[in-house]
Amino acid sequence: MNRVSRQVGAFAGGALLVIGSLMTWISVDLGFRAFSSTGTESTEGKLTLAAGLVLVILGLLTLRGIATGRVVNYIAAATAAFGAVVLLLEYFDVRERIAEADGTGVTAAVGAGVWIAALGAVVALGATAWAAVAESRAR
């Protein structure tokens, strides 16, 4: 993977984190009424949104050649890891809420936003980790 591919990966992963954070994370159907909650309605969703925005900005800055170097790669990798960990914790929280609803006649499901944000976190984490490793090997 060359330098531009890694930067595009970080940018794309960040963009997916942002998009996923704005989408539905959990939907609940009570039978007579349905509810849904987006990622940004929770603190965790706001954190993944912020991580995604940082990755998008860093990706744009590195693609333009404005920000380069080892520190930028490490910041991007740490941001991607942070977003992935927060998302993972929120996923387990959503699954726990769904499990609590089982057997009560309530139907609940993990929303598409969680999966899109998770894909973004994996892409960003892979690209930024590869960039950090490549940068350290180059020196």
C-alpha atoms as a PDB file:
ATOM      1  CA  MET A   1       0.000   0.000   0.000  1.00  0.00           C
ATOM      2  CA  ASN A   2       1.572   3.291  -1.035  1.00  0.00           C
ATOM      3  CA  ARG A   3       1.466   6.570   0.869  1.00  0.00           C
ATOM      4  CA  VAL A   4      -1.536   7.991  -1.014  1.00  0.00           C
ATOM      5  CA  SER A   5      -3.544   4.776  -0.511  1.00  0.00           C
ATOM      6  CA  ARG A   6      -2.943   4.939   3.238  1.00  0.00           C
ATOM      7  CA  GLN A   7      -4.023   8.566   3.353  1.00  0.00           C
ATOM      8  CA  VAL A   8      -7.144   7.854   1.310  1.00  0.00           C
ATOM      9  CA  GLY A   9      -7.863   4.916   3.642  1.00  0.00           C
ATOM     10  CA  ALA A  10      -7.665   7.171   6.691  1.00  0.00           C
ATOM     11  CA  PHE A  11      -9.865   9.777   4.998  1.00  0.00           C
ATOM     12  CA  ALA A  12     -12.440   7.196   3.820  1.00  0.00           C
ATOM     13  CA  GLY A  13     -12.501   5.471   7.206  1.00  0.00           C
ATOM     14  CA  GLY A  14     -13.054   8.811   8.924  1.00  0.00           C
ATOM     15  CA  ALA A  15     -15.828   9.692   6.482  1.00  0.00           C
ATOM     16  CA  LEU A  16     -17.566   6.372   7.178  1.00  0.00           C
ATOM     17  CA  LEU A  17     -17.235   7.008  10.928  1.00  0.00           C
ATOM     18  CA  VAL A  18     -18.911  10.395  10.457  1.00  0.00           C
ATOM     19  CA  ILE A  19     -21.697   8.994   8.266  1.00  0.00           C
ATOM     20  CA  GLY A  20     -22.312   6.056  10.595  1.00  0.00           C
ATOM     21  CA  SER A  21     -22.407   8.332  13.638  1.00  0.00           C
ATOM     22  CA  LEU A  22     -25.194  10.373  12.045  1.00  0.00           C
ATOM     23  CA  MET A  23     -27.294   7.316  11.190  1.00  0.00           C
ATOM     24  CA  THR A  24     -29.554   5.073  13.299  1.00  0.00           C
ATOM     25  CA  TRP A  25     -27.740   3.054  15.980  1.00  0.00           C
ATOM     26  CA  ILE A  26     -30.736   1.335  17.557  1.00  0.00           C
ATOM     27  CA  SER A  27     -34.364   0.926  16.576  1.00  0.00           C
ATOM     28  CA  VAL A  28     -37.144  -0.211  18.881  1.00  0.00           C
ATOM     29  CA  ASP A  29     -40.651  -1.320  17.925  1.00  0.00           C
ATOM     30  CA  LEU A  30     -43.204  -1.456  20.713  1.00  0.00           C
ATOM     31  CA  GLY A  31     -45.908  -2.794  18.430  1.00  0.00           C
ATOM     32  CA  PHE A  32     -47.986   0.353  18.610  1.00  0.00           C
ATOM     33  CA  ARG A  33     -45.084   2.799  18.292  1.00  0.00           C
ATOM     34  CA  ALA A  34     -41.558   2.691  16.909  1.00  0.00           C
ATOM     35  CA  PHE A  35     -38.500   4.617  18.030  1.00  0.00           C
ATOM     36  CA  SER A  36     -34.992   4.963  16.725  1.00  0.00           C
ATOM     37  CA  SER A  37     -31.874   6.619  18.040  1.00  0.00           C
ATOM     38  CA  THR A  38     -29.008   8.038  16.024  1.00  0.00           C
ATOM     39  CA  GLY A  39     -25.422   7.852  17.128  1.00  0.00           C
ATOM     40  CA  THR A  40     -25.253  11.541  17.915  1.00  0.00           C
ATOM     41  CA  GLU A  41     -28.001  11.192  20.515  1.00  0.00           C
ATOM     42  CA  SER A  42     -25.461   9.522  22.787  1.00  0.00           C
ATOM     43  CA  THR A  43     -22.105  10.674  24.112  1.00  0.00           C
ATOM     44  CA  GLU A  44     -20.417   7.720  22.425  1.00  0.00           C
ATOM     45  CA  GLY A  45     -21.849   8.708  19.056  1.00  0.00           C
ATOM     46  CA  LYS A  46     -20.602  12.258  19.489  1.00  0.00           C
ATOM     47  CA  LEU A  47     -17.152  10.884  20.311  1.00  0.00           C
ATOM     48  CA  THR A  48     -17.087   8.668  17.204  1.00  0.00           C
ATOM     49  CA  LEU A  49     -18.304  11.636  15.150  1.00  0.00           C
ATOM     50  CA  ALA A  50     -15.440  13.751  16.517  1.00  0.00           C
ATOM     51  CA  ALA A  51     -12.912  10.974  15.833  1.00  0.00           C
ATOM     52  CA  GLY A  52     -14.228  10.660  12.284  1.00  0.00           C
ATOM     53  CA  LEU A  53     -13.974  14.405  11.710  1.00  0.00           C
ATOM     54  CA  VAL A  54     -10.380  14.445  12.993  1.00  0.00           C
ATOM     55  CA  LEU A  55      -9.513  11.589  10.619  1.00  0.00           C
ATOM     56  CA  VAL A  56     -11.165  13.358   7.682  1.00  0.00           C
ATOM     57  CA  ILE A  57      -9.276  16.584   8.432  1.00  0.00           C
ATOM     58  CA  LEU A  58      -5.954  14.776   8.906  1.00  0.00           C
ATOM     59  CA  GLY A  59      -6.580  12.804   5.720  1.00  0.00           C
ATOM     60  CA  LEU A  60      -7.245  15.977   3.742  1.00  0.00           C
ATOM     61  CA  LEU A  61      -4.208  17.735   5.216  1.00  0.00           C
ATOM     62  CA  THR A  62      -1.905  14.831   4.408  1.00  0.00           C
ATOM     63  CA  LEU A  63      -3.312  14.391   0.905  1.00  0.00           C
ATOM     64  CA  ARG A  64      -2.628  18.077   0.250  1.00  0.00           C
ATOM     65  CA  GLY A  65       0.894  17.714   1.674  1.00  0.00           C
ATOM     66  CA  ILE A  66       0.211  20.221   4.457  1.00  0.00           C
ATOM     67  CA  ALA A  67       0.613  17.770   7.338  1.00  0.00           C
ATOM     68  CA  THR A  68       3.090  14.929   7.046  1.00  0.00           C
ATOM     69  CA  GLY A  69       5.366  12.902   9.217  1.00  0.00           C
ATOM     70  CA  ARG A  70       5.418  10.418  12.007  1.00  0.00           C
ATOM     71  CA  VAL A  71       3.505  12.538  14.537  1.00  0.00           C
ATOM     72  CA  VAL A  72       0.568  12.977  12.145  1.00  0.00           C
ATOM     73  CA  ASN A  73       0.491   9.230  11.486  1.00  0.00           C
ATOM     74  CA  TYR A  74       0.519   8.448  15.205  1.00  0.00           C
ATOM     75  CA  ILE A  75      -2.214  10.991  15.926  1.00  0.00           C
ATOM     76  CA  ALA A  76      -4.352   9.504  13.154  1.00  0.00           C
ATOM     77  CA  ALA A  77      -3.719   5.940  14.391  1.00  0.00           C
ATOM     78  CA  ALA A  78      -4.561   6.904  17.981  1.00  0.00           C
ATOM     79  CA  THR A  79      -7.723   8.683  16.809  1.00  0.00           C
ATOM     80  CA  ALA A  80      -8.806   5.653  14.773  1.00  0.00           C
ATOM     81  CA  ALA A  81      -8.133   3.341  17.737  1.00  0.00           C
ATOM     82  CA  PHE A  82     -10.090   5.659  20.036  1.00  0.00           C
ATOM     83  CA  GLY A  83     -13.047   5.687  17.641  1.00  0.00           C
ATOM     84  CA  ALA A  84     -12.943   1.894  17.330  1.00  0.00           C
ATOM     85  CA  VAL A  85     -12.854   1.341  21.100  1.00  0.00           C
ATOM     86  CA  VAL A  86     -15.702   3.799  21.764  1.00  0.00           C
ATOM     87  CA  LEU A  87     -17.751   2.190  19.011  1.00  0.00           C
ATOM     88  CA  LEU A  88     -17.093  -1.293  20.359  1.00  0.00           C
ATOM     89  CA  LEU A  89     -18.189  -0.262  23.860  1.00  0.00           C
ATOM     90  CA  GLU A  90     -21.336   1.336  22.463  1.00  0.00           C
ATOM     91  CA  TYR A  91     -22.103  -1.792  20.430  1.00  0.00           C
ATOM     92  CA  PHE A  92     -22.006  -3.897  23.592  1.00  0.00           C
ATOM     93  CA  ASP A  93     -24.241  -1.351  25.332  1.00  0.00           C
ATOM     94  CA  VAL A  94     -26.763  -1.484  22.472  1.00  0.00           C
ATOM     95  CA  ARG A  95     -26.682  -5.301  22.483  1.00  0.00           C
ATOM     96  CA  GLU A  96     -27.323  -5.276  26.242  1.00  0.00           C
ATOM     97  CA  ARG A  97     -30.333  -2.995  25.797  1.00  0.00           C
ATOM     98  CA  ILE A  98     -31.655  -5.287  23.063  1.00  0.00           C
ATOM     99  CA  ALA A  99     -31.177  -8.341  25.303  1.00  0.00           C
ATOM    100  CA  GLU A 100     -33.112  -6.599  28.087  1.00  0.00           C
ATOM    101  CA  ALA A 101     -36.012  -6.054  25.667  1.00  0.00           C
ATOM    102  CA  ASP A 102     -36.175  -9.758  24.693  1.00  0.00           C
ATOM    103  CA  GLY A 103     -39.272 -11.509  25.939  1.00  0.00           C
ATOM    104  CA  THR A 104     -41.147  -8.277  26.623  1.00  0.00           C
ATOM    105  CA  GLY A 105     -42.865  -8.084  23.248  1.00  0.00           C
ATOM    106  CA  VAL A 106     -40.547  -5.295  22.212  1.00  0.00           C
ATOM    107  CA  THR A 107     -38.504  -5.715  19.049  1.00  0.00           C
ATOM    108  CA  ALA A 108     -35.136  -3.973  19.016  1.00  0.00           C
ATOM    109  CA  ALA A 109     -32.280  -4.065  16.533  1.00  0.00           C
ATOM    110  CA  VAL A 110     -28.834  -2.613  15.994  1.00  0.00           C
ATOM    111  CA  GLY A 111     -29.070   0.113  13.356  1.00  0.00           C
ATOM    112  CA  ALA A 112     -27.080   0.376  10.137  1.00  0.00           C
ATOM    113  CA  GLY A 113     -25.129   3.331  11.502  1.00  0.00           C
ATOM    114  CA  VAL A 114     -23.251   1.100  13.935  1.00  0.00           C
ATOM    115  CA  TRP A 115     -22.124  -1.191  11.116  1.00  0.00           C
ATOM    116  CA  ILE A 116     -21.103   1.655   8.807  1.00  0.00           C
ATOM    117  CA  ALA A 117     -19.177   3.354  11.616  1.00  0.00           C
ATOM    118  CA  ALA A 118     -17.550   0.013  12.471  1.00  0.00           C
ATOM    119  CA  LEU A 119     -16.450  -0.431   8.860  1.00  0.00           C
ATOM    120  CA  GLY A 120     -15.022   3.079   8.934  1.00  0.00           C
ATOM    121  CA  ALA A 121     -13.166   2.391  12.174  1.00  0.00           C
ATOM    122  CA  VAL A 122     -11.643  -0.800  10.751  1.00  0.00           C
ATOM    123  CA  VAL A 123     -10.601   0.915   7.498  1.00  0.00           C
ATOM    124  CA  ALA A 124      -9.136   3.913   9.327  1.00  0.00           C
ATOM    125  CA  LEU A 125      -7.391   1.749  11.903  1.00  0.00           C
ATOM    126  CA  GLY A 126      -5.831  -0.447   9.226  1.00  0.00           C
ATOM    127  CA  ALA A 127      -4.716   2.480   7.074  1.00  0.00           C
ATOM    128  CA  THR A 128      -3.324   4.552   9.932  1.00  0.00           C
ATOM    129  CA  ALA A 129      -1.578   1.618  11.587  1.00  0.00           C
ATOM    130  CA  TRP A 130       0.015   0.722   8.243  1.00  0.00           C
ATOM    131  CA  ALA A 131       1.077   4.346   7.759  1.00  0.00           C
ATOM    132  CA  ALA A 132       2.641   4.483  11.228  1.00  0.00           C
ATOM    133  CA  VAL A 133       4.538   1.229  10.612  1.00  0.00           C
ATOM    134  CA  ALA A 134       5.698   2.358   7.161  1.00  0.00           C
ATOM    135  CA  GLU A 135       6.851   5.698   8.557  1.00  0.00           C
ATOM    136  CA  SER A 136       8.828   4.066  11.361  1.00  0.00           C
ATOM    137  CA  ARG A 137      10.484   1.659   8.897  1.00  0.00           C
ATOM    138  CA  ALA A 138      11.420   4.506   6.578  1.00  0.00           C
ATOM    139  CA  ARG A 139      13.478   6.219   9.277  1.00  0.00           C
END
